[in-house]
Each structure stands twice: as structure tokens, then as C-alpha cells.
């Protein structure tokens, strides 16, 4: 069986979603259409998409929890931003 570094149960964790958010943000932020967006905004949208898609893909999506998904995405986005700044010594 091949080794997967990401799977849905891991992506639904804080650590998994944060790592995925950092990777995807760093990859996408240099695209010409996305360069106009502030990185913090892009990071939030990516975190939100990860939260939503992981909930939908596992069949756990509940519309009543939508506000909680937004809060989760904010927490993940701020963790990703803080983690990236720590790794780069505060350089932007």
C-alpha cells in the first residue's frame, strides 16, 4: 500500500489543515490573478476551502455548523500565517 502524507482524517485535524494551507498558499500566491489579493485573505480562503471540502468529502458537513467552519478556518489561517512567519524569522 502506498504511503499517503495527507488523507481525509489527517486533513480534518488542526495540524493537517494548517500544513495543507501553508503549502497551497505558498504555491498559489505567485499566480498573476492571485497576486492582487493580500496573502492573509488568500490564506483564509484556502483554509476555509480545506475545512469545507474535508467536511463534505467525509459526509460530516452540517449547514448549521457553517459559522463554526468559518471560525475553524480563521484559526487555521492564523496558525498557518504564524507558522510561516516563524519559519522565515519574521521576514515577509
N, C-alpha and C. Protein backbone atom coordinates (compact mmCIF):
# COMPACT_ATOMS: atom_id res chain seq x y z
N UNK A 1 0.85 -1.18 0.00
CA UNK A 1 0.00 0.00 0.00
C UNK A 1 0.89 1.25 0.00
N UNK A 2 0.62 2.20 -0.89
CA UNK A 2 1.46 3.41 -0.95
C UNK A 2 1.27 4.30 0.28
N UNK A 3 2.33 5.01 0.62
CA UNK A 3 2.28 5.94 1.74
C UNK A 3 1.63 7.25 1.31
N UNK A 4 0.61 7.66 2.01
CA UNK A 4 -0.03 8.96 1.78
C UNK A 4 0.39 9.90 2.89
N UNK A 5 0.82 11.09 2.52
CA UNK A 5 1.18 12.07 3.52
C UNK A 5 -0.04 12.83 4.01
N UNK A 6 -1.04 12.91 3.17
CA UNK A 6 -2.32 13.52 3.55
C UNK A 6 -3.42 12.51 3.28
N UNK A 7 -4.34 12.41 4.20
CA UNK A 7 -5.59 11.69 3.98
C UNK A 7 -6.68 12.50 4.69
N UNK A 8 -7.92 12.14 4.45
CA UNK A 8 -9.02 12.95 4.98
C UNK A 8 -9.03 13.05 6.51
N UNK A 9 -8.81 11.95 7.23
CA UNK A 9 -8.80 12.11 8.69
C UNK A 9 -7.69 13.08 9.16
N UNK A 10 -6.52 13.03 8.53
CA UNK A 10 -5.44 13.94 8.90
C UNK A 10 -5.76 15.38 8.48
N UNK A 11 -6.38 15.53 7.31
CA UNK A 11 -6.72 16.86 6.82
C UNK A 11 -7.77 17.54 7.70
N UNK A 12 -8.55 16.75 8.41
CA UNK A 12 -9.57 17.31 9.30
C UNK A 12 -8.99 17.73 10.65
N UNK A 13 -7.71 17.46 10.88
CA UNK A 13 -7.09 17.89 12.13
C UNK A 13 -6.53 19.30 11.96
N UNK A 14 -6.27 19.94 13.06
CA UNK A 14 -5.68 21.29 13.05
C UNK A 14 -4.32 21.26 12.35
N UNK A 15 -3.51 20.28 12.72
CA UNK A 15 -2.16 20.19 12.14
C UNK A 15 -2.22 19.94 10.64
N UNK A 16 -3.04 19.01 10.22
CA UNK A 16 -3.14 18.68 8.80
C UNK A 16 -3.66 19.84 7.97
N UNK A 17 -4.69 20.48 8.45
CA UNK A 17 -5.26 21.62 7.72
C UNK A 17 -4.28 22.79 7.67
N UNK A 18 -3.53 23.00 8.75
CA UNK A 18 -2.56 24.09 8.77
C UNK A 18 -1.44 23.85 7.78
N UNK A 19 -0.89 22.64 7.78
CA UNK A 19 0.19 22.31 6.84
C UNK A 19 -0.30 22.42 5.40
N UNK A 20 -1.48 21.89 5.12
CA UNK A 20 -2.03 21.98 3.76
C UNK A 20 -2.26 23.43 3.35
N UNK A 21 -2.73 24.25 4.28
CA UNK A 21 -2.96 25.67 3.99
C UNK A 21 -1.66 26.38 3.65
N UNK A 22 -0.60 26.11 4.42
CA UNK A 22 0.70 26.72 4.13
C UNK A 22 1.19 26.31 2.75
N UNK A 23 1.14 25.02 2.46
CA UNK A 23 1.63 24.53 1.17
C UNK A 23 0.87 25.13 -0.01
N UNK A 24 -0.44 25.11 0.07
CA UNK A 24 -1.26 25.61 -1.03
C UNK A 24 -1.12 27.12 -1.19
N UNK A 25 -1.08 27.85 -0.07
CA UNK A 25 -0.91 29.30 -0.14
C UNK A 25 0.41 29.66 -0.80
N UNK A 26 1.47 29.02 -0.38
CA UNK A 26 2.79 29.32 -0.95
C UNK A 26 2.83 29.01 -2.44
N UNK A 27 2.14 27.98 -2.86
CA UNK A 27 2.10 27.62 -4.27
C UNK A 27 1.27 28.61 -5.08
N UNK A 28 0.11 29.00 -4.57
CA UNK A 28 -0.82 29.82 -5.34
C UNK A 28 -0.57 31.32 -5.29
N UNK A 29 0.09 31.82 -4.26
CA UNK A 29 0.16 33.27 -4.09
C UNK A 29 0.97 33.98 -5.17
N UNK A 30 1.74 33.27 -5.95
CA UNK A 30 2.52 33.88 -7.02
C UNK A 30 1.78 33.88 -8.37
N UNK A 31 0.61 33.26 -8.43
CA UNK A 31 -0.17 33.28 -9.66
C UNK A 31 -0.62 34.71 -9.94
N UNK A 32 -0.54 35.15 -11.19
CA UNK A 32 -0.85 36.55 -11.51
C UNK A 32 -2.21 37.04 -11.00
N UNK A 33 -3.25 36.24 -11.12
CA UNK A 33 -4.57 36.67 -10.67
C UNK A 33 -4.66 36.78 -9.15
N UNK A 34 -3.86 35.99 -8.46
CA UNK A 34 -3.94 35.97 -7.00
C UNK A 34 -2.94 36.92 -6.34
N UNK A 35 -1.99 37.45 -7.10
CA UNK A 35 -1.02 38.38 -6.54
C UNK A 35 -1.68 39.65 -6.02
N UNK A 36 -2.84 39.98 -6.56
CA UNK A 36 -3.55 41.19 -6.15
C UNK A 36 -4.17 41.05 -4.76
N UNK A 37 -4.42 39.80 -4.36
CA UNK A 37 -5.01 39.55 -3.04
C UNK A 37 -3.93 39.61 -1.96
N UNK A 38 -4.28 40.13 -0.81
CA UNK A 38 -3.35 40.08 0.32
C UNK A 38 -3.20 38.62 0.72
N UNK A 39 -2.02 38.25 1.13
CA UNK A 39 -1.74 36.85 1.47
C UNK A 39 -2.61 36.36 2.62
N UNK A 40 -2.92 37.22 3.58
CA UNK A 40 -3.77 36.80 4.70
C UNK A 40 -5.17 36.44 4.23
N UNK A 41 -5.69 37.20 3.28
CA UNK A 41 -7.03 36.90 2.73
C UNK A 41 -7.00 35.59 1.96
N UNK A 42 -5.99 35.42 1.12
CA UNK A 42 -5.84 34.18 0.37
C UNK A 42 -5.71 32.99 1.31
N UNK A 43 -4.94 33.15 2.36
CA UNK A 43 -4.75 32.07 3.34
C UNK A 43 -6.06 31.69 3.99
N UNK A 44 -6.87 32.67 4.35
CA UNK A 44 -8.18 32.37 4.95
C UNK A 44 -9.06 31.60 3.97
N UNK A 45 -9.14 32.05 2.72
CA UNK A 45 -9.99 31.36 1.74
C UNK A 45 -9.53 29.93 1.52
N UNK A 46 -8.24 29.71 1.47
CA UNK A 46 -7.71 28.35 1.30
C UNK A 46 -8.06 27.50 2.52
N UNK A 47 -7.87 28.05 3.71
CA UNK A 47 -8.21 27.30 4.93
C UNK A 47 -9.70 26.97 4.95
N UNK A 48 -10.53 27.93 4.55
CA UNK A 48 -11.97 27.70 4.53
C UNK A 48 -12.34 26.60 3.53
N UNK A 49 -11.73 26.63 2.37
CA UNK A 49 -11.99 25.57 1.38
C UNK A 49 -11.54 24.20 1.89
N UNK A 50 -10.43 24.16 2.58
CA UNK A 50 -9.96 22.89 3.14
C UNK A 50 -10.94 22.38 4.20
N UNK A 51 -11.40 23.26 5.07
CA UNK A 51 -12.37 22.87 6.10
C UNK A 51 -13.65 22.36 5.44
N UNK A 52 -14.19 23.13 4.49
CA UNK A 52 -15.44 22.73 3.85
C UNK A 52 -15.31 21.43 3.07
N UNK A 53 -14.28 21.33 2.25
CA UNK A 53 -14.16 20.13 1.42
C UNK A 53 -13.89 18.88 2.25
N UNK A 54 -13.14 19.02 3.33
CA UNK A 54 -12.90 17.84 4.17
C UNK A 54 -14.18 17.41 4.89
N UNK A 55 -15.02 18.37 5.27
CA UNK A 55 -16.30 18.03 5.89
C UNK A 55 -17.25 17.37 4.88
N UNK A 56 -17.31 17.93 3.68
CA UNK A 56 -18.20 17.38 2.65
C UNK A 56 -17.72 16.00 2.21
N UNK A 57 -16.42 15.85 2.00
CA UNK A 57 -15.87 14.59 1.50
C UNK A 57 -16.06 13.43 2.48
N UNK A 58 -16.10 13.74 3.75
CA UNK A 58 -16.29 12.67 4.74
C UNK A 58 -17.76 12.52 5.15
N UNK A 59 -18.64 13.32 4.57
CA UNK A 59 -20.06 13.23 4.88
C UNK A 59 -20.43 13.86 6.21
N UNK A 60 -19.56 14.70 6.74
CA UNK A 60 -19.81 15.34 8.04
C UNK A 60 -20.32 16.77 7.94
N UNK A 61 -20.55 17.26 6.73
CA UNK A 61 -21.00 18.64 6.56
C UNK A 61 -22.41 18.81 7.11
N UNK A 62 -22.57 19.84 7.96
CA UNK A 62 -23.87 20.21 8.51
C UNK A 62 -24.00 21.72 8.35
N UNK A 63 -25.02 22.16 7.65
CA UNK A 63 -25.20 23.59 7.38
C UNK A 63 -25.26 24.40 8.67
N UNK A 64 -25.84 23.84 9.71
CA UNK A 64 -25.94 24.55 10.98
C UNK A 64 -24.57 24.86 11.58
N UNK A 65 -23.54 24.15 11.17
CA UNK A 65 -22.18 24.37 11.67
C UNK A 65 -21.38 25.33 10.80
N UNK A 66 -22.00 25.99 9.85
CA UNK A 66 -21.28 26.85 8.91
C UNK A 66 -20.44 27.90 9.64
N UNK A 67 -21.01 28.55 10.65
CA UNK A 67 -20.27 29.56 11.40
C UNK A 67 -19.05 28.94 12.08
N UNK A 68 -19.19 27.72 12.57
CA UNK A 68 -18.05 27.04 13.20
C UNK A 68 -16.97 26.74 12.17
N UNK A 69 -17.37 26.44 10.94
CA UNK A 69 -16.37 26.21 9.88
C UNK A 69 -15.59 27.49 9.60
N UNK A 70 -16.28 28.63 9.64
CA UNK A 70 -15.60 29.92 9.45
C UNK A 70 -14.60 30.16 10.59
N UNK A 71 -15.01 29.90 11.82
CA UNK A 71 -14.10 30.06 12.96
C UNK A 71 -12.91 29.11 12.86
N UNK A 72 -13.17 27.87 12.47
CA UNK A 72 -12.08 26.91 12.28
C UNK A 72 -11.10 27.40 11.22
N UNK A 73 -11.64 27.93 10.13
CA UNK A 73 -10.79 28.43 9.05
C UNK A 73 -9.95 29.62 9.52
N UNK A 74 -10.52 30.49 10.33
CA UNK A 74 -9.76 31.62 10.89
C UNK A 74 -8.62 31.12 11.77
N UNK A 75 -8.90 30.14 12.61
CA UNK A 75 -7.88 29.59 13.49
C UNK A 75 -6.76 28.93 12.67
N UNK A 76 -7.14 28.18 11.66
CA UNK A 76 -6.16 27.51 10.79
C UNK A 76 -5.34 28.55 10.02
N UNK A 77 -6.01 29.56 9.49
CA UNK A 77 -5.31 30.60 8.72
C UNK A 77 -4.30 31.33 9.60
N UNK A 78 -4.70 31.73 10.80
CA UNK A 78 -3.77 32.44 11.67
C UNK A 78 -2.63 31.53 12.13
N UNK A 79 -2.91 30.25 12.31
CA UNK A 79 -1.83 29.30 12.65
C UNK A 79 -0.87 29.16 11.48
N UNK A 80 -1.40 29.09 10.27
CA UNK A 80 -0.55 28.97 9.08
C UNK A 80 0.30 30.22 8.90
N UNK A 81 -0.30 31.39 9.07
CA UNK A 81 0.44 32.64 8.91
C UNK A 81 1.54 32.74 9.98
N UNK A 82 1.20 32.44 11.22
CA UNK A 82 2.18 32.49 12.30
C UNK A 82 3.28 31.47 12.12
N UNK A 83 2.92 30.28 11.67
CA UNK A 83 3.92 29.24 11.43
C UNK A 83 4.88 29.64 10.33
N UNK A 84 4.36 30.23 9.27
CA UNK A 84 5.21 30.66 8.16
C UNK A 84 6.15 31.77 8.59
N UNK A 85 5.65 32.73 9.35
CA UNK A 85 6.50 33.83 9.82
C UNK A 85 7.57 33.31 10.78
N UNK A 86 7.24 32.32 11.59
CA UNK A 86 8.23 31.73 12.49
C UNK A 86 9.33 31.03 11.70
N UNK A 87 8.93 30.27 10.69
CA UNK A 87 9.91 29.55 9.86
C UNK A 87 10.85 30.50 9.12
N UNK A 88 10.34 31.66 8.75
CA UNK A 88 11.14 32.62 7.99
C UNK A 88 11.75 33.71 8.86
N UNK A 89 11.73 33.55 10.13
CA UNK A 89 12.33 34.52 11.03
C UNK A 89 11.66 35.88 11.01
N UNK A 90 10.35 35.91 10.73
CA UNK A 90 9.62 37.17 10.70
C UNK A 90 9.77 37.95 9.42
N UNK A 91 10.50 37.41 8.44
CA UNK A 91 10.67 38.11 7.16
C UNK A 91 9.41 37.96 6.33
N UNK A 92 9.10 39.00 5.55
CA UNK A 92 7.93 38.93 4.66
C UNK A 92 8.35 38.91 3.24
